[in-house]
Amino acid sequence: MSAGEKANAAFVNRLGSQQLLAALRSGGNIIYFRHAQTTKDYADQADPKMSLASCETQRKLSAAGIEQSREIGKAFQTLKIPVGTVHSSQYCRAWQTADLAFGRHQQSAKLNFLPFEDYTDAQMAEMKANLLPFLTAPPRPGTNTVVVGHDDLFEAATGIYPDPQGIAYVLTPDGKGGFTVQASLKPDQWASL
């Protein structure tokens, strides 16, 4: 078990369901999603045949992942959780998760994996530096910012390995370049908030 997986296993939500829902409805949070479930899990970013311009060369959302994304979007509407900007990586599984759930996204190469299967400390530091601005920028007043990305970037930035696919972490930026991780929700937990 990696250090990130241990951190994930030890993670305890700071907010109960009612507190979390109230915080989300008020806005001011970053909601980081690991993309929804894919047909299989492998390091396609290290495949020399993979092209960001072609979804056919990448891991794809499974039928379950497509449904997860749609159900998350429905839950946000039902619960009246305000969403402002929606960022995603350039990988199809990430931007498709964003589009299916929220109907929009802005792609950023900063949310992409580096093209390796195993990362050096320097590469983890680079991914952390790429992701931190998304996790620390306060959202527009009364809204939450959504970021749809990948596992290794989130682990690099927080020390927490986001498992399973589709899991979300709610973070509150402190306005000084830091944040507090408030809670995590698996894809099927949004509807029960």
N, C-alpha and C. Protein backbone atom coordinates (compact mmCIF):
# COMPACT_ATOMS: atom_id res chain seq x y z
N MET A 1 0.85 -1.18 0.00
CA MET A 1 0.00 0.00 0.00
C MET A 1 0.89 1.24 0.00
N SER A 2 0.63 2.15 -0.96
CA SER A 2 1.44 3.36 -1.06
C SER A 2 1.08 4.31 0.09
N ALA A 3 1.93 5.32 0.26
CA ALA A 3 1.65 6.33 1.29
C ALA A 3 0.33 7.04 1.00
N GLY A 4 0.04 7.30 -0.29
CA GLY A 4 -1.22 7.94 -0.66
C GLY A 4 -2.42 7.07 -0.36
N GLU A 5 -2.29 5.77 -0.60
CA GLU A 5 -3.39 4.84 -0.30
C GLU A 5 -3.61 4.77 1.21
N LYS A 6 -2.53 4.80 1.99
CA LYS A 6 -2.66 4.82 3.45
C LYS A 6 -3.36 6.10 3.90
N ALA A 7 -2.99 7.24 3.27
CA ALA A 7 -3.63 8.52 3.62
C ALA A 7 -5.11 8.48 3.27
N ASN A 8 -5.45 7.86 2.14
CA ASN A 8 -6.85 7.74 1.76
C ASN A 8 -7.60 6.88 2.76
N ALA A 9 -7.02 5.77 3.14
CA ALA A 9 -7.66 4.86 4.09
C ALA A 9 -7.85 5.53 5.45
N ALA A 10 -6.93 6.43 5.82
CA ALA A 10 -7.00 7.09 7.11
C ALA A 10 -7.83 8.38 7.08
N PHE A 11 -8.21 8.82 5.86
CA PHE A 11 -8.93 10.09 5.74
C PHE A 11 -10.30 10.00 6.42
N VAL A 12 -10.61 11.02 7.21
CA VAL A 12 -11.90 11.09 7.89
C VAL A 12 -12.56 12.41 7.50
N ASN A 13 -13.83 12.34 7.09
CA ASN A 13 -14.55 13.55 6.73
C ASN A 13 -14.61 14.50 7.91
N ARG A 14 -14.33 15.77 7.66
CA ARG A 14 -14.39 16.81 8.69
C ARG A 14 -15.82 17.28 8.91
N LEU A 15 -16.65 17.13 7.87
CA LEU A 15 -18.02 17.61 7.92
C LEU A 15 -19.00 16.45 7.79
N GLY A 16 -20.06 16.46 8.59
CA GLY A 16 -21.13 15.49 8.43
C GLY A 16 -21.95 15.85 7.20
N SER A 17 -22.89 14.99 6.83
CA SER A 17 -23.67 15.18 5.60
C SER A 17 -24.38 16.53 5.57
N GLN A 18 -25.05 16.91 6.65
CA GLN A 18 -25.82 18.16 6.66
C GLN A 18 -24.88 19.37 6.59
N GLN A 19 -23.78 19.33 7.32
CA GLN A 19 -22.80 20.42 7.27
C GLN A 19 -22.20 20.54 5.88
N LEU A 20 -21.89 19.40 5.28
CA LEU A 20 -21.29 19.39 3.95
C LEU A 20 -22.25 19.96 2.93
N LEU A 21 -23.51 19.53 2.98
CA LEU A 21 -24.49 20.04 2.03
C LEU A 21 -24.66 21.55 2.19
N ALA A 22 -24.72 22.03 3.42
CA ALA A 22 -24.84 23.47 3.66
C ALA A 22 -23.63 24.21 3.09
N ALA A 23 -22.43 23.67 3.30
CA ALA A 23 -21.21 24.29 2.78
C ALA A 23 -21.22 24.32 1.25
N LEU A 24 -21.66 23.23 0.63
CA LEU A 24 -21.70 23.17 -0.82
C LEU A 24 -22.73 24.14 -1.39
N ARG A 25 -23.87 24.25 -0.73
CA ARG A 25 -24.90 25.18 -1.21
C ARG A 25 -24.45 26.63 -1.07
N SER A 26 -23.60 26.91 -0.09
CA SER A 26 -23.10 28.27 0.12
C SER A 26 -22.02 28.64 -0.89
N GLY A 27 -21.35 27.64 -1.46
CA GLY A 27 -20.26 27.90 -2.40
C GLY A 27 -18.94 28.11 -1.69
N GLY A 28 -17.93 28.43 -2.48
CA GLY A 28 -16.60 28.68 -1.93
C GLY A 28 -15.71 27.47 -1.86
N ASN A 29 -16.13 26.36 -2.48
CA ASN A 29 -15.37 25.11 -2.40
C ASN A 29 -14.83 24.70 -3.76
N ILE A 30 -13.81 23.88 -3.71
CA ILE A 30 -13.30 23.20 -4.90
C ILE A 30 -13.72 21.75 -4.76
N ILE A 31 -14.33 21.20 -5.80
CA ILE A 31 -14.74 19.79 -5.78
C ILE A 31 -13.89 19.08 -6.82
N TYR A 32 -12.96 18.26 -6.34
CA TYR A 32 -12.05 17.54 -7.24
C TYR A 32 -12.59 16.14 -7.45
N PHE A 33 -12.91 15.81 -8.70
CA PHE A 33 -13.36 14.48 -9.07
C PHE A 33 -12.24 13.73 -9.77
N ARG A 34 -12.00 12.50 -9.36
CA ARG A 34 -11.28 11.60 -10.24
C ARG A 34 -12.32 11.17 -11.27
N HIS A 35 -11.96 11.14 -12.54
CA HIS A 35 -12.92 10.78 -13.59
C HIS A 35 -13.72 9.54 -13.20
N ALA A 36 -14.88 9.38 -13.80
CA ALA A 36 -15.76 8.24 -13.53
C ALA A 36 -15.12 6.94 -14.03
N GLN A 37 -15.78 5.85 -13.73
CA GLN A 37 -15.26 4.50 -14.00
C GLN A 37 -14.97 4.27 -15.48
N THR A 38 -13.85 3.63 -15.74
CA THR A 38 -13.46 3.31 -17.12
C THR A 38 -13.59 1.81 -17.37
N THR A 39 -13.47 1.45 -18.65
CA THR A 39 -13.62 0.04 -19.02
C THR A 39 -12.51 -0.83 -18.43
N LYS A 40 -11.31 -0.29 -18.35
CA LYS A 40 -10.23 -0.96 -17.64
C LYS A 40 -9.28 0.11 -17.14
N ASP A 41 -8.42 -0.27 -16.21
CA ASP A 41 -7.53 0.69 -15.59
C ASP A 41 -6.10 0.34 -15.98
N TYR A 42 -5.49 1.19 -16.79
CA TYR A 42 -4.09 0.99 -17.15
C TYR A 42 -3.49 2.35 -17.46
N ALA A 43 -2.19 2.42 -17.50
CA ALA A 43 -1.48 3.70 -17.66
C ALA A 43 -1.40 4.09 -19.12
N ASP A 44 -2.54 4.49 -19.69
CA ASP A 44 -2.53 4.84 -21.12
C ASP A 44 -1.66 6.05 -21.41
N GLN A 45 -1.41 6.90 -20.41
CA GLN A 45 -0.57 8.07 -20.64
C GLN A 45 0.85 7.69 -21.03
N ALA A 46 1.26 6.47 -20.71
CA ALA A 46 2.62 6.00 -21.05
C ALA A 46 2.64 5.24 -22.37
N ASP A 47 1.51 5.05 -23.01
CA ASP A 47 1.41 4.32 -24.28
C ASP A 47 1.82 5.25 -25.42
N PRO A 48 2.87 4.89 -26.19
CA PRO A 48 3.30 5.79 -27.26
C PRO A 48 2.23 5.98 -28.35
N LYS A 49 1.25 5.10 -28.42
CA LYS A 49 0.18 5.22 -29.42
C LYS A 49 -0.96 6.12 -28.94
N MET A 50 -0.96 6.50 -27.67
CA MET A 50 -2.03 7.32 -27.13
C MET A 50 -1.94 8.74 -27.69
N SER A 51 -3.09 9.26 -28.10
CA SER A 51 -3.17 10.63 -28.60
C SER A 51 -4.32 11.35 -27.92
N LEU A 52 -4.07 12.53 -27.39
CA LEU A 52 -5.13 13.30 -26.76
C LEU A 52 -6.19 13.73 -27.78
N ALA A 53 -5.82 13.72 -29.06
CA ALA A 53 -6.76 14.11 -30.11
C ALA A 53 -7.73 12.98 -30.49
N SER A 54 -7.48 11.77 -30.00
CA SER A 54 -8.32 10.63 -30.39
C SER A 54 -8.74 9.82 -29.17
N CYS A 55 -10.03 9.85 -28.87
CA CYS A 55 -10.55 9.07 -27.75
C CYS A 55 -10.35 7.57 -27.98
N GLU A 56 -10.24 7.16 -29.23
CA GLU A 56 -10.07 5.75 -29.54
C GLU A 56 -8.74 5.19 -29.03
N THR A 57 -7.77 6.05 -28.76
CA THR A 57 -6.45 5.60 -28.29
C THR A 57 -6.33 5.64 -26.77
N GLN A 58 -7.41 6.05 -26.10
CA GLN A 58 -7.37 6.25 -24.65
C GLN A 58 -8.31 5.30 -23.93
N ARG A 59 -8.11 5.18 -22.62
CA ARG A 59 -9.09 4.50 -21.78
C ARG A 59 -10.42 5.21 -21.92
N LYS A 60 -11.49 4.44 -21.94
CA LYS A 60 -12.82 5.02 -22.13
C LYS A 60 -13.68 4.84 -20.89
N LEU A 61 -14.64 5.74 -20.73
CA LEU A 61 -15.65 5.55 -19.68
C LEU A 61 -16.43 4.29 -19.99
N SER A 62 -16.71 3.51 -18.97
CA SER A 62 -17.56 2.33 -19.12
C SER A 62 -19.02 2.78 -19.06
N ALA A 63 -19.94 1.86 -19.34
CA ALA A 63 -21.36 2.17 -19.20
C ALA A 63 -21.65 2.62 -17.77
N ALA A 64 -21.01 1.97 -16.80
CA ALA A 64 -21.20 2.36 -15.40
C ALA A 64 -20.66 3.76 -15.15
N GLY A 65 -19.53 4.10 -15.75
CA GLY A 65 -18.95 5.43 -15.60
C GLY A 65 -19.82 6.51 -16.22
N ILE A 66 -20.41 6.23 -17.35
CA ILE A 66 -21.33 7.18 -17.98
C ILE A 66 -22.53 7.41 -17.06
N GLU A 67 -23.06 6.33 -16.50
CA GLU A 67 -24.20 6.45 -15.59
C GLU A 67 -23.80 7.20 -14.31
N GLN A 68 -22.62 6.90 -13.76
CA GLN A 68 -22.12 7.62 -12.58
C GLN A 68 -22.10 9.12 -12.83
N SER A 69 -21.56 9.51 -13.97
CA SER A 69 -21.45 10.93 -14.30
C SER A 69 -22.82 11.59 -14.37
N ARG A 70 -23.74 10.95 -15.04
CA ARG A 70 -25.10 11.50 -15.16
C ARG A 70 -25.78 11.61 -13.79
N GLU A 71 -25.61 10.58 -12.97
CA GLU A 71 -26.24 10.59 -11.64
C GLU A 71 -25.65 11.68 -10.75
N ILE A 72 -24.36 11.91 -10.87
CA ILE A 72 -23.73 13.00 -10.11
C ILE A 72 -24.35 14.33 -10.52
N GLY A 73 -24.48 14.55 -11.82
CA GLY A 73 -25.09 15.78 -12.31
C GLY A 73 -26.52 15.96 -11.82
N LYS A 74 -27.29 14.88 -11.84
CA LYS A 74 -28.68 14.95 -11.35
C LYS A 74 -28.70 15.31 -9.86
N ALA A 75 -27.80 14.71 -9.09
CA ALA A 75 -27.75 14.99 -7.65
C ALA A 75 -27.42 16.46 -7.40
N PHE A 76 -26.48 17.03 -8.15
CA PHE A 76 -26.15 18.45 -7.98
C PHE A 76 -27.37 19.32 -8.25
N GLN A 77 -28.14 18.98 -9.29
CA GLN A 77 -29.35 19.76 -9.60
C GLN A 77 -30.39 19.61 -8.50
N THR A 78 -30.64 18.37 -8.09
CA THR A 78 -31.64 18.11 -7.05
C THR A 78 -31.28 18.79 -5.75
N LEU A 79 -30.00 18.74 -5.39
CA LEU A 79 -29.54 19.31 -4.12
C LEU A 79 -29.28 20.82 -4.19
N LYS A 80 -29.41 21.36 -5.39
CA LYS A 80 -29.20 22.81 -5.60
C LYS A 80 -27.79 23.24 -5.17
N ILE A 81 -26.80 22.48 -5.63
CA ILE A 81 -25.40 22.83 -5.38
C ILE A 81 -24.92 23.69 -6.55
N PRO A 82 -24.56 24.95 -6.30
CA PRO A 82 -24.16 25.84 -7.40
C PRO A 82 -22.76 25.53 -7.91
N VAL A 83 -22.66 25.40 -9.22
CA VAL A 83 -21.38 25.10 -9.86
C VAL A 83 -21.01 26.26 -10.78
N GLY A 84 -19.82 26.78 -10.59
CA GLY A 84 -19.30 27.83 -11.46
C GLY A 84 -18.45 27.20 -12.56
N THR A 85 -17.17 27.46 -12.50
CA THR A 85 -16.24 26.95 -13.51
C THR A 85 -16.05 25.45 -13.35
N VAL A 86 -15.97 24.75 -14.49
CA VAL A 86 -15.70 23.31 -14.51
C VAL A 86 -14.44 23.10 -15.34
N HIS A 87 -13.38 22.67 -14.68
CA HIS A 87 -12.10 22.39 -15.35
C HIS A 87 -11.96 20.88 -15.54
N SER A 88 -11.28 20.49 -16.62
CA SER A 88 -10.97 19.07 -16.79
C SER A 88 -9.62 18.93 -17.48
N SER A 89 -9.06 17.73 -17.36
CA SER A 89 -7.87 17.43 -18.14
C SER A 89 -8.28 17.27 -19.60
N GLN A 90 -7.30 17.07 -20.45
CA GLN A 90 -7.58 16.90 -21.87
C GLN A 90 -7.89 15.45 -22.24
N TYR A 91 -7.82 14.55 -21.26
CA TYR A 91 -8.15 13.15 -21.52
C TYR A 91 -9.66 13.00 -21.66
N CYS A 92 -10.08 12.19 -22.62
CA CYS A 92 -11.50 12.03 -22.92
C CYS A 92 -12.30 11.61 -21.70
N ARG A 93 -11.77 10.69 -20.90
CA ARG A 93 -12.54 10.20 -19.75
C ARG A 93 -12.81 11.29 -18.73
N ALA A 94 -11.92 12.28 -18.66
CA ALA A 94 -12.11 13.39 -17.72
C ALA A 94 -13.11 14.40 -18.27
N TRP A 95 -12.91 14.88 -19.49
CA TRP A 95 -13.83 15.90 -20.00
C TRP A 95 -15.21 15.32 -20.28
N GLN A 96 -15.28 14.03 -20.61
CA GLN A 96 -16.60 13.42 -20.79
C GLN A 96 -17.33 13.30 -19.45
N THR A 97 -16.60 12.97 -18.38
CA THR A 97 -17.21 12.97 -17.04
C THR A 97 -17.78 14.35 -16.73
N ALA A 98 -17.00 15.39 -16.99
CA ALA A 98 -17.44 16.77 -16.74
C ALA A 98 -18.67 17.11 -17.56
N ASP A 99 -18.64 16.80 -18.84
CA ASP A 99 -19.77 17.14 -19.71
C ASP A 99 -21.04 16.38 -19.34
N LEU A 100 -20.90 15.09 -19.04
CA LEU A 100 -22.08 14.30 -18.68
C LEU A 100 -22.69 14.77 -17.36
N ALA A 101 -21.85 15.19 -16.43
CA ALA A 101 -22.35 15.63 -15.12
C ALA A 101 -22.81 17.09 -15.13
N PHE A 102 -22.04 17.97 -15.77
CA PHE A 102 -22.28 19.41 -15.62
C PHE A 102 -22.58 20.13 -16.93
N GLY A 103 -22.47 19.42 -18.05
CA GLY A 103 -22.83 20.01 -19.33
C GLY A 103 -21.81 20.96 -19.92
N ARG A 104 -20.63 21.04 -19.31
CA ARG A 104 -19.61 21.96 -19.81
C ARG A 104 -18.26 21.63 -19.15
N HIS A 105 -17.22 22.18 -19.74
CA HIS A 105 -15.89 22.06 -19.15
C HIS A 105 -14.93 22.99 -19.87
N GLN A 106 -13.83 23.31 -19.20
CA GLN A 106 -12.69 24.00 -19.79
C GLN A 106 -11.49 23.08 -19.63
N GLN A 107 -10.90 22.67 -20.74
CA GLN A 107 -9.76 21.76 -20.66
C GLN A 107 -8.47 22.51 -20.33
N SER A 108 -7.61 21.84 -19.57
CA SER A 108 -6.30 22.39 -19.25
C SER A 108 -5.26 21.28 -19.28
N ALA A 109 -4.17 21.52 -20.00
CA ALA A 109 -3.07 20.57 -20.04
C ALA A 109 -2.42 20.40 -18.67
N LYS A 110 -2.59 21.39 -17.78
CA LYS A 110 -2.01 21.30 -16.43
C LYS A 110 -2.66 20.19 -15.61
N LEU A 111 -3.85 19.73 -16.03
CA LEU A 111 -4.54 18.65 -15.32
C LEU A 111 -4.25 17.28 -15.91
N ASN A 112 -3.38 17.22 -16.91
CA ASN A 112 -3.01 15.94 -17.53
C ASN A 112 -1.95 15.22 -16.71
N PHE A 113 -1.94 13.90 -16.85
CA PHE A 113 -0.82 13.11 -16.35
C PHE A 113 0.45 13.53 -17.07
N LEU A 114 1.58 13.30 -16.45
CA LEU A 114 2.83 13.31 -17.20
C LEU A 114 2.91 11.95 -17.90
N PRO A 115 3.58 11.86 -19.05
CA PRO A 115 3.52 10.64 -19.87
C PRO A 115 4.43 9.50 -19.41
N PHE A 116 4.28 9.10 -18.15
CA PHE A 116 5.08 8.02 -17.58
C PHE A 116 4.17 7.13 -16.75
N GLU A 117 4.57 5.88 -16.58
CA GLU A 117 3.78 4.97 -15.75
C GLU A 117 4.18 5.08 -14.28
N ASP A 118 5.48 5.21 -14.03
CA ASP A 118 5.99 5.39 -12.67
C ASP A 118 6.67 6.75 -12.62
N TYR A 119 6.46 7.46 -11.52
CA TYR A 119 6.92 8.85 -11.43
C TYR A 119 8.08 9.00 -10.47
N THR A 120 9.01 9.87 -10.84
CA THR A 120 10.09 10.25 -9.94
C THR A 120 9.55 11.30 -8.97
N ASP A 121 10.32 11.59 -7.95
CA ASP A 121 9.92 12.65 -7.01
C ASP A 121 9.78 13.99 -7.74
N ALA A 122 10.67 14.26 -8.70
CA ALA A 122 10.61 15.52 -9.44
C ALA A 122 9.34 15.59 -10.29
N GLN A 123 8.94 14.47 -10.88
CA GLN A 123 7.71 14.46 -11.68
C GLN A 123 6.48 14.62 -10.79
N MET A 124 6.49 14.01 -9.61
CA MET A 124 5.38 14.21 -8.67
C MET A 124 5.31 15.69 -8.25
N ALA A 125 6.46 16.30 -8.02
CA ALA A 125 6.49 17.72 -7.65
C ALA A 125 5.95 18.58 -8.80
N GLU A 126 6.25 18.20 -10.03
CA GLU A 126 5.73 18.95 -11.19
C GLU A 126 4.21 18.83 -11.27
N MET A 127 3.67 17.62 -11.07
CA MET A 127 2.22 17.45 -11.10
C MET A 127 1.55 18.22 -9.97
N LYS A 128 2.18 18.23 -8.80
CA LYS A 128 1.65 19.01 -7.68
C LYS A 128 1.61 20.49 -8.03
N ALA A 129 2.70 21.00 -8.60
CA ALA A 129 2.75 22.41 -8.98
C ALA A 129 1.70 22.74 -10.04
N ASN A 130 1.44 21.80 -10.93
CA ASN A 130 0.41 22.01 -11.96
C ASN A 130 -0.99 22.07 -11.37
N LEU A 131 -1.28 21.22 -10.38
CA LEU A 131 -2.63 21.12 -9.84
C LEU A 131 -2.93 22.16 -8.76
N LEU A 132 -1.95 22.53 -7.95
CA LEU A 132 -2.22 23.40 -6.80
C LEU A 132 -2.98 24.69 -7.14
N PRO A 133 -2.69 25.37 -8.24
CA PRO A 133 -3.48 26.58 -8.53
C PRO A 133 -4.98 26.31 -8.68
N PHE A 134 -5.36 25.14 -9.14
CA PHE A 134 -6.77 24.79 -9.27
C PHE A 134 -7.42 24.52 -7.90
N LEU A 135 -6.61 24.04 -6.96
CA LEU A 135 -7.14 23.69 -5.64
C LEU A 135 -7.13 24.86 -4.66
N THR A 136 -6.41 25.92 -5.00
CA THR A 136 -6.26 27.03 -4.06
C THR A 136 -6.96 28.32 -4.50
N ALA A 137 -7.41 28.39 -5.75
CA ALA A 137 -8.06 29.60 -6.25
C ALA A 137 -9.50 29.67 -5.73
N PRO A 138 -9.85 30.70 -4.96
CA PRO A 138 -11.23 30.79 -4.46
C PRO A 138 -12.22 30.89 -5.63
N PRO A 139 -13.32 30.14 -5.55
CA PRO A 139 -14.35 30.22 -6.61
C PRO A 139 -15.05 31.57 -6.59
N ARG A 140 -15.76 31.86 -7.68
CA ARG A 140 -16.60 33.06 -7.69
C ARG A 140 -17.59 32.97 -6.54
N PRO A 141 -17.92 34.09 -5.93
CA PRO A 141 -18.85 34.06 -4.78
C PRO A 141 -20.14 33.31 -5.10
N GLY A 142 -20.55 32.48 -4.15
CA GLY A 142 -21.80 31.73 -4.29
C GLY A 142 -21.73 30.53 -5.20
N THR A 143 -20.53 30.17 -5.65
CA THR A 143 -20.38 28.99 -6.52
C THR A 143 -19.28 28.08 -6.00
N ASN A 144 -19.25 26.88 -6.53
CA ASN A 144 -18.18 25.92 -6.29
C ASN A 144 -17.48 25.67 -7.62
N THR A 145 -16.18 25.51 -7.58
CA THR A 145 -15.42 25.16 -8.77
C THR A 145 -15.27 23.65 -8.81
N VAL A 146 -15.49 23.07 -9.98
CA VAL A 146 -15.31 21.62 -10.17
C VAL A 146 -14.05 21.40 -10.99
N VAL A 147 -13.26 20.43 -10.56
CA VAL A 147 -12.06 20.00 -11.30
C VAL A 147 -12.19 18.50 -11.51
N VAL A 148 -12.11 18.07 -12.76
CA VAL A 148 -12.17 16.64 -13.07
C VAL A 148 -10.80 16.23 -13.62
N GLY A 149 -10.13 15.37 -12.86
CA GLY A 149 -8.78 14.98 -13.23
C GLY A 149 -8.51 13.51 -12.97
N HIS A 150 -7.32 13.25 -12.48
CA HIS A 150 -6.81 11.88 -12.38
C HIS A 150 -6.25 11.61 -10.98
N ASP A 151 -5.96 10.35 -10.74
CA ASP A 151 -5.51 9.92 -9.42
C ASP A 151 -4.14 10.46 -9.03
N ASP A 152 -3.15 10.29 -9.89
CA ASP A 152 -1.78 10.63 -9.50
C ASP A 152 -1.58 12.11 -9.23
N LEU A 153 -2.29 12.98 -9.96
CA LEU A 153 -2.16 14.41 -9.70
C LEU A 153 -2.68 14.76 -8.32
N PHE A 154 -3.84 14.21 -7.97
CA PHE A 154 -4.42 14.52 -6.66
C PHE A 154 -3.53 13.98 -5.54
N GLU A 155 -3.00 12.78 -5.74
CA GLU A 155 -2.10 12.22 -4.74
C GLU A 155 -0.84 13.09 -4.60
N ALA A 156 -0.33 13.58 -5.73
CA ALA A 156 0.87 14.43 -5.68
C ALA A 156 0.60 15.70 -4.89
N ALA A 157 -0.60 16.27 -5.04
CA ALA A 157 -0.91 17.55 -4.40
C ALA A 157 -1.36 17.42 -2.95
N THR A 158 -1.97 16.28 -2.59
CA THR A 158 -2.57 16.17 -1.25
C THR A 158 -2.01 15.03 -0.40
N GLY A 159 -1.35 14.08 -1.05
CA GLY A 159 -0.90 12.89 -0.32
C GLY A 159 -2.00 11.84 -0.19
N ILE A 160 -3.18 12.12 -0.74
CA ILE A 160 -4.32 11.19 -0.66
C ILE A 160 -4.53 10.56 -2.04
N TYR A 161 -4.57 9.24 -2.08
CA TYR A 161 -4.84 8.55 -3.35
C TYR A 161 -6.36 8.44 -3.54
N PRO A 162 -6.92 9.05 -4.58
CA PRO A 162 -8.38 9.06 -4.76
C PRO A 162 -8.90 7.76 -5.36
N ASP A 163 -9.49 6.94 -4.53
CA ASP A 163 -10.00 5.64 -4.96
C ASP A 163 -11.38 5.44 -4.35
N PRO A 164 -12.35 5.00 -5.12
CA PRO A 164 -12.33 4.46 -6.48
C PRO A 164 -12.47 5.56 -7.52
N GLN A 165 -12.49 5.15 -8.79
CA GLN A 165 -12.76 6.09 -9.86
C GLN A 165 -14.13 6.73 -9.59
N GLY A 166 -14.22 8.02 -9.88
CA GLY A 166 -15.47 8.75 -9.64
C GLY A 166 -15.55 9.39 -8.28
N ILE A 167 -14.61 9.11 -7.39
CA ILE A 167 -14.64 9.71 -6.05
C ILE A 167 -14.39 11.22 -6.17
N ALA A 168 -14.96 11.97 -5.24
CA ALA A 168 -14.77 13.42 -5.20
C ALA A 168 -14.27 13.82 -3.83
N TYR A 169 -13.46 14.86 -3.81
CA TYR A 169 -12.99 15.47 -2.56
C TYR A 169 -13.42 16.93 -2.57
N VAL A 170 -13.96 17.37 -1.46
CA VAL A 170 -14.38 18.77 -1.30
C VAL A 170 -13.29 19.48 -0.50
N LEU A 171 -12.74 20.52 -1.11
CA LEU A 171 -11.66 21.30 -0.49
C LEU A 171 -12.11 22.74 -0.35
N THR A 172 -11.68 23.38 0.72
CA THR A 172 -11.97 24.80 0.92
C THR A 172 -10.67 25.57 0.87
N PRO A 173 -10.48 26.43 -0.15
CA PRO A 173 -9.28 27.25 -0.21
C PRO A 173 -9.26 28.27 0.94
N ASP A 174 -8.07 28.56 1.45
CA ASP A 174 -7.98 29.51 2.57
C ASP A 174 -7.67 30.94 2.13
N GLY A 175 -7.54 31.15 0.81
CA GLY A 175 -7.24 32.49 0.31
C GLY A 175 -5.78 32.89 0.45
N LYS A 176 -4.95 31.99 0.99
CA LYS A 176 -3.53 32.29 1.19
C LYS A 176 -2.65 31.27 0.48
N GLY A 177 -3.22 30.54 -0.48
CA GLY A 177 -2.46 29.54 -1.22
C GLY A 177 -2.55 28.14 -0.64
N GLY A 178 -3.41 27.95 0.35
CA GLY A 178 -3.60 26.63 0.94
C GLY A 178 -5.06 26.21 0.86
N PHE A 179 -5.36 25.07 1.43
CA PHE A 179 -6.72 24.56 1.43
C PHE A 179 -6.88 23.53 2.52
N THR A 180 -8.13 23.24 2.86
CA THR A 180 -8.46 22.17 3.79
C THR A 180 -9.31 21.15 3.05
N VAL A 181 -8.95 19.88 3.12
CA VAL A 181 -9.77 18.83 2.54
C VAL A 181 -10.87 18.52 3.55
N GLN A 182 -12.11 18.82 3.18
CA GLN A 182 -13.24 18.72 4.11
C GLN A 182 -13.91 17.35 4.11
N ALA A 183 -14.06 16.76 2.92
CA ALA A 183 -14.84 15.52 2.84
C ALA A 183 -14.57 14.82 1.53
N SER A 184 -14.90 13.55 1.51
CA SER A 184 -14.87 12.79 0.25
C SER A 184 -16.22 12.12 0.06
N LEU A 185 -16.58 11.95 -1.20
CA LEU A 185 -17.84 11.29 -1.54
C LEU A 185 -17.61 10.36 -2.70
N LYS A 186 -18.02 9.11 -2.55
CA LYS A 186 -17.98 8.16 -3.67
C LYS A 186 -19.12 8.53 -4.63
N PRO A 187 -19.05 8.07 -5.87
CA PRO A 187 -20.05 8.49 -6.85
C PRO A 187 -21.49 8.25 -6.43
N ASP A 188 -21.75 7.16 -5.73
CA ASP A 188 -23.13 6.83 -5.35
C ASP A 188 -23.59 7.52 -4.06
N GLN A 189 -22.72 8.31 -3.43
CA GLN A 189 -23.08 8.97 -2.18
C GLN A 189 -23.69 10.35 -2.36
N TRP A 190 -23.57 10.95 -3.54
CA TRP A 190 -24.12 12.29 -3.74
C TRP A 190 -25.63 12.30 -3.55
N ALA A 191 -26.30 11.30 -4.07
CA ALA A 191 -27.77 11.28 -4.02
C ALA A 191 -28.29 11.17 -2.59
N SER A 192 -27.46 10.68 -1.66
CA SER A 192 -27.93 10.49 -0.28
C SER A 192 -27.52 11.63 0.66
N LEU A 193 -26.93 12.69 0.12
CA LEU A 193 -26.56 13.84 0.97
C LEU A 193 -27.80 14.50 1.56
